[in-house]
Amino acid sequence: MNARLHEAIAILGDIDADDASTEARGRRAHARVIAMIEFADEVSGMRREQRIANLLTLAQLGKKDSQSALNEARRLLAVDEEPSKLKGAA
């Protein structure tokens, strides 16, 4: 599990599932929001990967847009690699 999900679990702490107090309801809502943020980040990453895969598939077809699709896929992959280069330099 990643840090956000650990944070959501920690927020829940020792709250019982049937606890209807304001604090318990607030903690459950807070944990749901954190989990939804994590879910949105995951979906965003999958959409980007799917776009790159579609571009690479188009590039293999050998049609008139193949070269531009390949260039766009390379650009997206290069953007993905840049943050890791920056992390290594720090």
Protein backbone atom coordinates (compact mmCIF):
# COMPACT_ATOMS: atom_id res chain seq x y z
CA MET A 1 0.00 0.00 0.00
CA ASN A 2 1.13 3.51 -0.59
CA ALA A 3 1.44 6.43 1.80
CA ARG A 4 -2.02 7.88 1.12
CA LEU A 5 -3.80 4.65 1.89
CA HIS A 6 -1.74 4.22 5.05
CA GLU A 7 -2.73 7.76 6.01
CA ALA A 8 -6.41 6.99 5.43
CA ILE A 9 -6.19 3.88 7.60
CA ALA A 10 -4.38 5.83 10.31
CA ILE A 11 -7.11 8.49 10.29
CA LEU A 12 -9.69 5.81 10.94
CA GLY A 13 -7.64 4.70 13.93
CA ASP A 14 -9.76 2.90 16.49
CA ILE A 15 -13.13 4.14 15.21
CA ASP A 16 -15.79 1.42 15.29
CA ALA A 17 -17.80 0.79 12.13
CA ASP A 18 -21.08 1.44 13.95
CA ASP A 19 -19.89 4.60 15.72
CA ALA A 20 -22.27 7.42 14.69
CA SER A 21 -20.55 10.23 16.57
CA THR A 22 -19.64 13.42 14.73
CA GLU A 23 -15.93 12.72 15.15
CA ALA A 24 -16.24 9.20 13.73
CA ARG A 25 -18.30 10.38 10.78
CA GLY A 26 -15.78 13.15 10.10
CA ARG A 27 -12.86 10.73 10.24
CA ARG A 28 -14.58 8.31 7.86
CA ALA A 29 -15.30 11.17 5.44
CA HIS A 30 -11.68 12.35 5.65
CA ALA A 31 -10.41 8.84 4.95
CA ARG A 32 -12.78 8.52 1.96
CA VAL A 33 -11.51 11.79 0.50
CA ILE A 34 -7.89 10.66 0.79
CA ALA A 35 -8.76 7.31 -0.82
CA MET A 36 -10.58 9.08 -3.68
CA ILE A 37 -7.57 11.32 -4.29
CA GLU A 38 -5.39 8.24 -4.54
CA PHE A 39 -7.88 6.62 -6.91
CA ALA A 40 -7.92 9.73 -9.13
CA ASP A 41 -4.12 9.72 -9.32
CA GLU A 42 -4.12 6.05 -10.29
CA VAL A 43 -6.74 6.56 -13.01
CA SER A 44 -4.84 9.55 -14.36
CA GLY A 45 -1.69 7.44 -14.67
CA MET A 46 -3.59 4.65 -16.43
CA ARG A 47 -5.10 7.11 -18.92
CA ARG A 48 -1.63 8.41 -19.76
CA GLU A 49 -0.28 4.88 -20.24
CA GLN A 50 -3.27 4.01 -22.44
CA ARG A 51 -2.67 7.10 -24.58
CA ILE A 52 0.97 6.12 -25.11
CA ALA A 53 -0.07 2.56 -25.99
CA ASN A 54 -2.63 3.85 -28.50
CA LEU A 55 -0.04 6.14 -30.10
CA LEU A 56 2.45 3.27 -30.41
CA THR A 57 -0.24 1.07 -31.98
CA LEU A 58 -1.04 3.80 -34.48
CA ALA A 59 2.66 4.20 -35.24
CA GLN A 60 2.87 0.49 -36.16
CA LEU A 61 0.08 0.74 -38.74
CA GLY A 62 2.29 2.46 -41.28
CA LYS A 63 -0.30 5.10 -42.21
CA LYS A 64 0.37 8.78 -42.93
CA ASP A 65 0.04 9.74 -39.22
CA SER A 66 2.37 6.99 -38.02
CA GLN A 67 5.44 9.18 -37.71
CA SER A 68 3.64 11.94 -35.81
CA ALA A 69 2.09 9.32 -33.49
CA LEU A 70 5.54 7.87 -32.81
CA ASN A 71 6.97 11.32 -32.15
CA GLU A 72 4.15 12.13 -29.72
CA ALA A 73 4.65 8.81 -27.89
CA ARG A 74 8.37 9.53 -27.60
CA ARG A 75 7.64 13.01 -26.28
CA LEU A 76 5.26 11.65 -23.62
CA LEU A 77 7.78 9.02 -22.59
CA ALA A 78 10.54 11.63 -22.39
CA VAL A 79 8.35 13.78 -20.13
CA ASP A 80 7.86 10.73 -17.90
CA GLU A 81 11.62 10.21 -17.62
CA GLU A 82 12.54 13.85 -16.85
CA PRO A 83 11.31 13.84 -13.21
CA SER A 84 13.37 10.71 -12.47
CA LYS A 85 16.47 12.41 -13.91
CA LEU A 86 15.84 15.37 -11.63
CA LYS A 87 15.44 13.10 -8.60
CA GLY A 88 18.80 11.47 -9.34
CA ALA A 89 20.49 14.85 -9.54
CA ALA A 90 19.25 15.99 -6.13
